PDB file of N, CA and C in Angstrom:
ATOM      1  N   MET A   1     -31.726   6.136 -37.153  1.00  0.00           N
ATOM      2  CA  MET A   1     -32.983   5.866 -37.820  1.00  0.00           C
ATOM      3  C   MET A   1     -33.456   4.479 -37.429  1.00  0.00           C
ATOM      4  N   ASP A   2     -34.742   4.248 -37.587  1.00  0.00           N
ATOM      5  CA  ASP A   2     -35.297   2.918 -37.337  1.00  0.00           C
ATOM      6  C   ASP A   2     -35.249   2.119 -38.626  1.00  0.00           C
ATOM      7  N   VAL A   3     -34.827   0.860 -38.514  1.00  0.00           N
ATOM      8  CA  VAL A   3     -34.833  -0.050 -39.652  1.00  0.00           C
ATOM      9  C   VAL A   3     -35.779  -1.192 -39.291  1.00  0.00           C
ATOM     10  N   VAL A   4     -36.739  -1.439 -40.173  1.00  0.00           N
ATOM     11  CA  VAL A   4     -37.781  -2.426 -39.933  1.00  0.00           C
ATOM     12  C   VAL A   4     -37.652  -3.537 -40.967  1.00  0.00           C
ATOM     13  N   TYR A   5     -37.800  -4.771 -40.509  1.00  0.00           N
ATOM     14  CA  TYR A   5     -37.680  -5.936 -41.390  1.00  0.00           C
ATOM     15  C   TYR A   5     -38.992  -6.723 -41.369  1.00  0.00           C
ATOM     16  N   PHE A   6     -39.442  -7.154 -42.550  1.00  0.00           N
ATOM     17  CA  PHE A   6     -40.684  -7.912 -42.662  1.00  0.00           C
ATOM     18  C   PHE A   6     -40.436  -9.270 -43.316  1.00  0.00           C
ATOM     19  N   ALA A   7     -41.332 -10.213 -43.009  1.00  0.00           N
ATOM     20  CA  ALA A   7     -41.375 -11.534 -43.641  1.00  0.00           C
ATOM     21  C   ALA A   7     -40.034 -12.260 -43.497  1.00  0.00           C
ATOM     22  N   TRP A   8     -39.537 -12.855 -44.601  1.00  0.00           N
ATOM     23  CA  TRP A   8     -38.312 -13.657 -44.498  1.00  0.00           C
ATOM     24  C   TRP A   8     -37.084 -12.811 -44.192  1.00  0.00           C
ATOM     25  N   VAL A   9     -37.123 -11.515 -44.448  1.00  0.00           N
ATOM     26  CA  VAL A   9     -36.002 -10.644 -44.081  1.00  0.00           C
ATOM     27  C   VAL A   9     -35.879 -10.633 -42.556  1.00  0.00           C
ATOM     28  N   ARG A  10     -37.008 -10.477 -41.881  1.00  0.00           N
ATOM     29  CA  ARG A  10     -37.035 -10.511 -40.414  1.00  0.00           C
ATOM     30  C   ARG A  10     -36.574 -11.868 -39.902  1.00  0.00           C
ATOM     31  N   GLU A  11     -37.014 -12.932 -40.544  1.00  0.00           N
ATOM     32  CA  GLU A  11     -36.620 -14.277 -40.112  1.00  0.00           C
ATOM     33  C   GLU A  11     -35.120 -14.498 -40.222  1.00  0.00           C
ATOM     34  N   ARG A  12     -34.514 -14.043 -41.300  1.00  0.00           N
ATOM     35  CA  ARG A  12     -33.067 -14.229 -41.494  1.00  0.00           C
ATOM     36  C   ARG A  12     -32.248 -13.391 -40.526  1.00  0.00           C
ATOM     37  N   ILE A  13     -32.694 -12.170 -40.290  1.00  0.00           N
ATOM     38  CA  ILE A  13     -31.944 -11.281 -39.397  1.00  0.00           C
ATOM     39  C   ILE A  13     -32.243 -11.588 -37.933  1.00  0.00           C
ATOM     40  N   GLY A  14     -33.467 -12.022 -37.663  1.00  0.00           N
ATOM     41  CA  GLY A  14     -33.830 -12.377 -36.294  1.00  0.00           C
ATOM     42  C   GLY A  14     -34.363 -11.216 -35.465  1.00  0.00           C
ATOM     43  N   LEU A  15     -34.659 -10.111 -36.123  1.00  0.00           N
ATOM     44  CA  LEU A  15     -35.204  -8.926 -35.445  1.00  0.00           C
ATOM     45  C   LEU A  15     -36.329  -8.323 -36.276  1.00  0.00           C
ATOM     46  N   PRO A  16     -37.376  -7.818 -35.622  1.00  0.00           N
ATOM     47  CA  PRO A  16     -38.415  -7.130 -36.382  1.00  0.00           C
ATOM     48  C   PRO A  16     -38.027  -5.685 -36.709  1.00  0.00           C
ATOM     49  N   ARG A  17     -37.218  -5.070 -35.844  1.00  0.00           N
ATOM     50  CA  ARG A  17     -36.777  -3.689 -36.053  1.00  0.00           C
ATOM     51  C   ARG A  17     -35.580  -3.422 -35.174  1.00  0.00           C
ATOM     52  N   GLU A  18     -34.839  -2.392 -35.556  1.00  0.00           N
ATOM     53  CA  GLU A  18     -33.721  -1.956 -34.728  1.00  0.00           C
ATOM     54  C   GLU A  18     -33.413  -0.494 -35.022  1.00  0.00           C
ATOM     55  N   ARG A  19     -32.773   0.134 -34.072  1.00  0.00           N
ATOM     56  CA  ARG A  19     -32.325   1.523 -34.226  1.00  0.00           C
ATOM     57  C   ARG A  19     -30.895   1.463 -34.739  1.00  0.00           C
ATOM     58  N   VAL A  20     -30.601   2.180 -35.831  1.00  0.00           N
ATOM     59  CA  VAL A  20     -29.296   2.114 -36.471  1.00  0.00           C
ATOM     60  C   VAL A  20     -28.707   3.522 -36.577  1.00  0.00           C
ATOM     61  N   GLU A  21     -27.477   3.657 -36.143  1.00  0.00           N
ATOM     62  CA  GLU A  21     -26.709   4.880 -36.379  1.00  0.00           C
ATOM     63  C   GLU A  21     -25.891   4.621 -37.635  1.00  0.00           C
ATOM     64  N   THR A  22     -26.019   5.477 -38.625  1.00  0.00           N
ATOM     65  CA  THR A  22     -25.354   5.229 -39.899  1.00  0.00           C
ATOM     66  C   THR A  22     -24.857   6.524 -40.522  1.00  0.00           C
ATOM     67  N   ARG A  23     -23.835   6.379 -41.340  1.00  0.00           N
ATOM     68  CA  ARG A  23     -23.342   7.485 -42.154  1.00  0.00           C
ATOM     69  C   ARG A  23     -23.713   7.253 -43.625  1.00  0.00           C
ATOM     70  N   ALA A  24     -24.524   6.243 -43.875  1.00  0.00           N
ATOM     71  CA  ALA A  24     -24.910   5.880 -45.238  1.00  0.00           C
ATOM     72  C   ALA A  24     -25.637   7.042 -45.919  1.00  0.00           C
ATOM     73  N   ALA A  25     -25.269   7.291 -47.170  1.00  0.00           N
ATOM     74  CA  ALA A  25     -25.906   8.356 -47.937  1.00  0.00           C
ATOM     75  C   ALA A  25     -27.153   7.871 -48.663  1.00  0.00           C
ATOM     76  N   THR A  26     -27.158   6.587 -49.040  1.00  0.00           N
ATOM     77  CA  THR A  26     -28.283   6.014 -49.787  1.00  0.00           C
ATOM     78  C   THR A  26     -28.709   4.700 -49.145  1.00  0.00           C
ATOM     79  N   VAL A  27     -29.845   4.190 -49.592  1.00  0.00           N
ATOM     80  CA  VAL A  27     -30.309   2.896 -49.117  1.00  0.00           C
ATOM     81  C   VAL A  27     -29.271   1.821 -49.438  1.00  0.00           C
ATOM     82  N   ALA A  28     -28.712   1.857 -50.635  1.00  0.00           N
ATOM     83  CA  ALA A  28     -27.695   0.863 -51.019  1.00  0.00           C
ATOM     84  C   ALA A  28     -26.492   0.912 -50.083  1.00  0.00           C
ATOM     85  N   ASP A  29     -26.089   2.109 -49.671  1.00  0.00           N
ATOM     86  CA  ASP A  29     -24.990   2.243 -48.715  1.00  0.00           C
ATOM     87  C   ASP A  29     -25.363   1.623 -47.365  1.00  0.00           C
ATOM     88  N   LEU A  30     -26.599   1.830 -46.941  1.00  0.00           N
ATOM     89  CA  LEU A  30     -27.071   1.240 -45.695  1.00  0.00           C
ATOM     90  C   LEU A  30     -27.053  -0.281 -45.786  1.00  0.00           C
ATOM     91  N   VAL A  31     -27.521  -0.816 -46.900  1.00  0.00           N
ATOM     92  CA  VAL A  31     -27.506  -2.272 -47.104  1.00  0.00           C
ATOM     93  C   VAL A  31     -26.076  -2.799 -47.013  1.00  0.00           C
ATOM     94  N   ALA A  32     -25.134  -2.092 -47.612  1.00  0.00           N
ATOM     95  CA  ALA A  32     -23.732  -2.515 -47.549  1.00  0.00           C
ATOM     96  C   ALA A  32     -23.222  -2.509 -46.109  1.00  0.00           C
ATOM     97  N   GLU A  33     -23.562  -1.478 -45.349  1.00  0.00           N
ATOM     98  CA  GLU A  33     -23.158  -1.411 -43.937  1.00  0.00           C
ATOM     99  C   GLU A  33     -23.754  -2.565 -43.147  1.00  0.00           C
ATOM    100  N   LEU A  34     -25.048  -2.802 -43.325  1.00  0.00           N
ATOM    101  CA  LEU A  34     -25.710  -3.870 -42.584  1.00  0.00           C
ATOM    102  C   LEU A  34     -25.148  -5.236 -42.976  1.00  0.00           C
ATOM    103  N   SER A  35     -24.937  -5.442 -44.263  1.00  0.00           N
ATOM    104  CA  SER A  35     -24.420  -6.725 -44.751  1.00  0.00           C
ATOM    105  C   SER A  35     -23.051  -7.041 -44.175  1.00  0.00           C
ATOM    106  N   ALA A  36     -22.261  -6.012 -43.903  1.00  0.00           N
ATOM    107  CA  ALA A  36     -20.916  -6.202 -43.357  1.00  0.00           C
ATOM    108  C   ALA A  36     -20.928  -6.527 -41.864  1.00  0.00           C
ATOM    109  N   ARG A  37     -22.055  -6.352 -41.205  1.00  0.00           N
ATOM    110  CA  ARG A  37     -22.146  -6.593 -39.766  1.00  0.00           C
ATOM    111  C   ARG A  37     -21.923  -8.054 -39.399  1.00  0.00           C
ATOM    112  N   GLU A  38     -22.779  -8.913 -39.962  1.00  0.00           N
ATOM    113  CA  GLU A  38     -22.796 -10.332 -39.597  1.00  0.00           C
ATOM    114  C   GLU A  38     -23.340 -11.132 -40.771  1.00  0.00           C
ATOM    115  N   GLU A  39     -23.138 -12.430 -40.713  1.00  0.00           N
ATOM    116  CA  GLU A  39     -23.593 -13.321 -41.779  1.00  0.00           C
ATOM    117  C   GLU A  39     -25.114 -13.274 -41.949  1.00  0.00           C
ATOM    118  N   ARG A  40     -25.847 -13.135 -40.855  1.00  0.00           N
ATOM    119  CA  ARG A  40     -27.319 -13.120 -40.968  1.00  0.00           C
ATOM    120  C   ARG A  40     -27.797 -11.929 -41.796  1.00  0.00           C
ATOM    121  N   TYR A  41     -27.139 -10.786 -41.678  1.00  0.00           N
ATOM    122  CA  TYR A  41     -27.484  -9.624 -42.496  1.00  0.00           C
ATOM    123  C   TYR A  41     -27.066  -9.857 -43.952  1.00  0.00           C
ATOM    124  N   ALA A  42     -25.869 -10.410 -44.129  1.00  0.00           N
ATOM    125  CA  ALA A  42     -25.389 -10.701 -45.480  1.00  0.00           C
ATOM    126  C   ALA A  42     -26.351 -11.653 -46.181  1.00  0.00           C
ATOM    127  N   ALA A  43     -26.872 -12.636 -45.462  1.00  0.00           N
ATOM    128  CA  ALA A  43     -27.829 -13.585 -46.046  1.00  0.00           C
ATOM    129  C   ALA A  43     -29.140 -12.883 -46.420  1.00  0.00           C
ATOM    130  N   ALA A  44     -29.598 -12.001 -45.571  1.00  0.00           N
ATOM    131  CA  ALA A  44     -30.862 -11.306 -45.824  1.00  0.00           C
ATOM    132  C   ALA A  44     -30.764 -10.370 -47.031  1.00  0.00           C
ATOM    133  N   PHE A  45     -29.584  -9.779 -47.230  1.00  0.00           N
ATOM    134  CA  PHE A  45     -29.422  -8.809 -48.304  1.00  0.00           C
ATOM    135  C   PHE A  45     -28.611  -9.346 -49.482  1.00  0.00           C
ATOM    136  N   ALA A  46     -28.463 -10.657 -49.562  1.00  0.00           N
ATOM    137  CA  ALA A  46     -27.643 -11.263 -50.619  1.00  0.00           C
ATOM    138  C   ALA A  46     -28.164 -10.942 -52.018  1.00  0.00           C
ATOM    139  N   ASP A  47     -29.475 -10.847 -52.164  1.00  0.00           N
ATOM    140  CA  ASP A  47     -30.068 -10.572 -53.482  1.00  0.00           C
ATOM    141  C   ASP A  47     -31.083  -9.442 -53.331  1.00  0.00           C
ATOM    142  N   ILE A  48     -30.620  -8.204 -53.466  1.00  0.00           N
ATOM    143  CA  ILE A  48     -31.544  -7.089 -53.243  1.00  0.00           C
ATOM    144  C   ILE A  48     -32.597  -6.971 -54.332  1.00  0.00           C
ATOM    145  N   SER A  49     -32.415  -7.675 -55.447  1.00  0.00           N
ATOM    146  CA  SER A  49     -33.477  -7.664 -56.460  1.00  0.00           C
ATOM    147  C   SER A  49     -34.724  -8.385 -55.942  1.00  0.00           C
ATOM    148  N   ALA A  50     -34.574  -9.159 -54.857  1.00  0.00           N
ATOM    149  CA  ALA A  50     -35.702  -9.861 -54.252  1.00  0.00           C
ATOM    150  C   ALA A  50     -36.314  -9.056 -53.109  1.00  0.00           C
ATOM    151  N   LEU A  51     -35.893  -7.797 -52.968  1.00  0.00           N
ATOM    152  CA  LEU A  51     -36.378  -6.954 -51.886  1.00  0.00           C
ATOM    153  C   LEU A  51     -36.992  -5.665 -52.394  1.00  0.00           C
ATOM    154  N   ARG A  52     -37.839  -5.108 -51.571  1.00  0.00           N
ATOM    155  CA  ARG A  52     -38.372  -3.778 -51.790  1.00  0.00           C
ATOM    156  C   ARG A  52     -38.009  -2.963 -50.559  1.00  0.00           C
ATOM    157  N   VAL A  53     -38.035  -1.644 -50.718  1.00  0.00           N
ATOM    158  CA  VAL A  53     -37.707  -0.762 -49.602  1.00  0.00           C
ATOM    159  C   VAL A  53     -38.710   0.378 -49.546  1.00  0.00           C
ATOM    160  N   ALA A  54     -39.031   0.776 -48.329  1.00  0.00           N
ATOM    161  CA  ALA A  54     -39.889   1.946 -48.119  1.00  0.00           C
ATOM    162  C   ALA A  54     -39.156   2.900 -47.185  1.00  0.00           C
ATOM    163  N   LEU A  55     -39.187   4.172 -47.523  1.00  0.00           N
ATOM    164  CA  LEU A  55     -38.604   5.216 -46.689  1.00  0.00           C
ATOM    165  C   LEU A  55     -39.744   6.031 -46.101  1.00  0.00           C
ATOM    166  N   ASP A  56     -39.814   6.055 -44.780  1.00  0.00           N
ATOM    167  CA  ASP A  56     -40.923   6.726 -44.092  1.00  0.00           C
ATOM    168  C   ASP A  56     -42.268   6.304 -44.681  1.00  0.00           C
ATOM    169  N   GLN A  57     -42.412   5.006 -44.914  1.00  0.00           N
ATOM    170  CA  GLN A  57     -43.634   4.341 -45.364  1.00  0.00           C
ATOM    171  C   GLN A  57     -44.036   4.666 -46.794  1.00  0.00           C
ATOM    172  N   GLU A  58     -43.067   5.096 -47.608  1.00  0.00           N
ATOM    173  CA  GLU A  58     -43.327   5.299 -49.034  1.00  0.00           C
ATOM    174  C   GLU A  58     -42.344   4.456 -49.833  1.00  0.00           C
ATOM    175  N   LEU A  59     -42.869   3.688 -50.794  1.00  0.00           N
ATOM    176  CA  LEU A  59     -41.991   2.855 -51.622  1.00  0.00           C
ATOM    177  C   LEU A  59     -40.900   3.699 -52.250  1.00  0.00           C
ATOM    178  N   SER A  60     -39.713   3.131 -52.307  1.00  0.00           N
ATOM    179  CA  SER A  60     -38.579   3.867 -52.813  1.00  0.00           C
ATOM    180  C   SER A  60     -37.643   2.923 -53.556  1.00  0.00           C
ATOM    181  N   GLU A  61     -36.497   3.461 -53.960  1.00  0.00           N
ATOM    182  CA  GLU A  61     -35.479   2.691 -54.678  1.00  0.00           C
ATOM    183  C   GLU A  61     -34.217   2.615 -53.828  1.00  0.00           C
ATOM    184  N   PHE A  62     -33.350   1.682 -54.172  1.00  0.00           N
ATOM    185  CA  PHE A  62     -32.130   1.489 -53.395  1.00  0.00           C
ATOM    186  C   PHE A  62     -31.102   2.603 -53.603  1.00  0.00           C
ATOM    187  N   ASP A  63     -31.274   3.416 -54.628  1.00  0.00           N
ATOM    188  CA  ASP A  63     -30.356   4.544 -54.825  1.00  0.00           C
ATOM    189  C   ASP A  63     -30.894   5.838 -54.196  1.00  0.00           C
ATOM    190  N   ALA A  64     -32.006   5.744 -53.468  1.00  0.00           N
ATOM    191  CA  ALA A  64     -32.612   6.917 -52.841  1.00  0.00           C
ATOM    192  C   ALA A  64     -31.752   7.421 -51.680  1.00  0.00           C
ATOM    193  N   PRO A  65     -31.673   8.740 -51.528  1.00  0.00           N
ATOM    194  CA  PRO A  65     -30.906   9.309 -50.416  1.00  0.00           C
ATOM    195  C   PRO A  65     -31.615   9.094 -49.074  1.00  0.00           C
ATOM    196  N   LEU A  66     -30.812   9.000 -48.015  1.00  0.00           N
ATOM    197  CA  LEU A  66     -31.357   8.773 -46.675  1.00  0.00           C
ATOM    198  C   LEU A  66     -31.449  10.045 -45.837  1.00  0.00           C
ATOM    199  N   ALA A  67     -30.997  11.168 -46.345  1.00  0.00           N
ATOM    200  CA  ALA A  67     -31.023  12.418 -45.590  1.00  0.00           C
ATOM    201  C   ALA A  67     -32.444  12.720 -45.113  1.00  0.00           C
ATOM    202  N   GLY A  68     -32.601  12.883 -43.814  1.00  0.00           N
ATOM    203  CA  GLY A  68     -33.897  13.224 -43.234  1.00  0.00           C
ATOM    204  C   GLY A  68     -34.844  12.053 -43.040  1.00  0.00           C
ATOM    205  N   VAL A  69     -34.471  10.870 -43.457  1.00  0.00           N
ATOM    206  CA  VAL A  69     -35.347   9.701 -43.326  1.00  0.00           C
ATOM    207  C   VAL A  69     -35.336   9.209 -41.881  1.00  0.00           C
ATOM    208  N   ARG A  70     -36.517   8.905 -41.351  1.00  0.00           N
ATOM    209  CA  ARG A  70     -36.635   8.412 -39.980  1.00  0.00           C
ATOM    210  C   ARG A  70     -36.788   6.896 -39.925  1.00  0.00           C
ATOM    211  N   GLU A  71     -37.382   6.301 -40.985  1.00  0.00           N
ATOM    212  CA  GLU A  71     -37.625   4.855 -40.971  1.00  0.00           C
ATOM    213  C   GLU A  71     -37.348   4.250 -42.342  1.00  0.00           C
ATOM    214  N   VAL A  72     -36.622   3.149 -42.333  1.00  0.00           N
ATOM    215  CA  VAL A  72     -36.361   2.370 -43.547  1.00  0.00           C
ATOM    216  C   VAL A  72     -36.939   0.990 -43.302  1.00  0.00           C
ATOM    217  N   ALA A  73     -37.762   0.509 -44.225  1.00  0.00           N
ATOM    218  CA  ALA A  73     -38.365  -0.815 -44.097  1.00  0.00           C
ATOM    219  C   ALA A  73     -37.968  -1.674 -45.291  1.00  0.00           C
ATOM    220  N   PHE A  74     -37.550  -2.902 -45.007  1.00  0.00           N
ATOM    221  CA  PHE A  74     -37.186  -3.864 -46.043  1.00  0.00           C
ATOM    222  C   PHE A  74     -38.184  -5.016 -46.026  1.00  0.00           C
ATOM    223  N   PHE A  75     -38.637  -5.424 -47.204  1.00  0.00           N
ATOM    224  CA  PHE A  75     -39.632  -6.496 -47.301  1.00  0.00           C
ATOM    225  C   PHE A  75     -39.591  -7.114 -48.681  1.00  0.00           C
ATOM    226  N   PRO A  76     -40.076  -8.356 -48.815  1.00  0.00           N
ATOM    227  CA  PRO A  76     -40.152  -8.966 -50.135  1.00  0.00           C
ATOM    228  C   PRO A  76     -41.298  -8.334 -50.921  1.00  0.00           C
ATOM    229  N   PRO A  77     -41.271  -8.477 -52.249  1.00  0.00           N
ATOM    230  CA  PRO A  77     -42.377  -7.941 -53.053  1.00  0.00           C
ATOM    231  C   PRO A  77     -43.716  -8.515 -52.601  1.00  0.00           C
ATOM    232  N   MET A  78     -44.715  -7.683 -52.652  1.00  0.00           N
ATOM    233  CA  MET A  78     -46.053  -8.109 -52.271  1.00  0.00           C
ATOM    234  C   MET A  78     -46.792  -8.643 -53.497  1.00  0.00           C
ATOM    235  N   THR A  79     -47.633  -9.622 -53.262  1.00  0.00           N
ATOM    236  CA  THR A  79     -48.435 -10.139 -54.358  1.00  0.00           C
ATOM    237  C   THR A  79     -49.901  -9.937 -54.014  1.00  0.00           C
ATOM    238  N   GLY A  80     -50.695  -9.748 -55.027  1.00  0.00           N
ATOM    239  CA  GLY A  80     -52.133  -9.577 -54.830  1.00  0.00           C
ATOM    240  C   GLY A  80     -52.826 -10.922 -54.835  1.00  0.00           C
ATOM    241  N   GLY A  81     -54.042 -10.934 -54.365  1.00  0.00           N
ATOM    242  CA  GLY A  81     -54.736 -12.211 -54.341  1.00  0.00           C
ATOM    243  C   GLY A  81     -56.211 -12.052 -54.268  1.00  0.00           C
TER     244      GLY A  81
END
């Protein structure tokens, strides 16, 4: 699946997107896998309460299943203005 990073998540990881092979069942499982990769991922996902996630461009939750998902996007909460 494609994993896309926005804003400070992208800055911490150093990539705008990447292709990931995973056995993760949920978004939280994917976060755990990514966090275990390297310190930069662990730093980006240290506080998931400061993140939002979208699955195939629809807002979702971290306990959502990944079966059939093609794209996961991580980003900080958006503010209106």
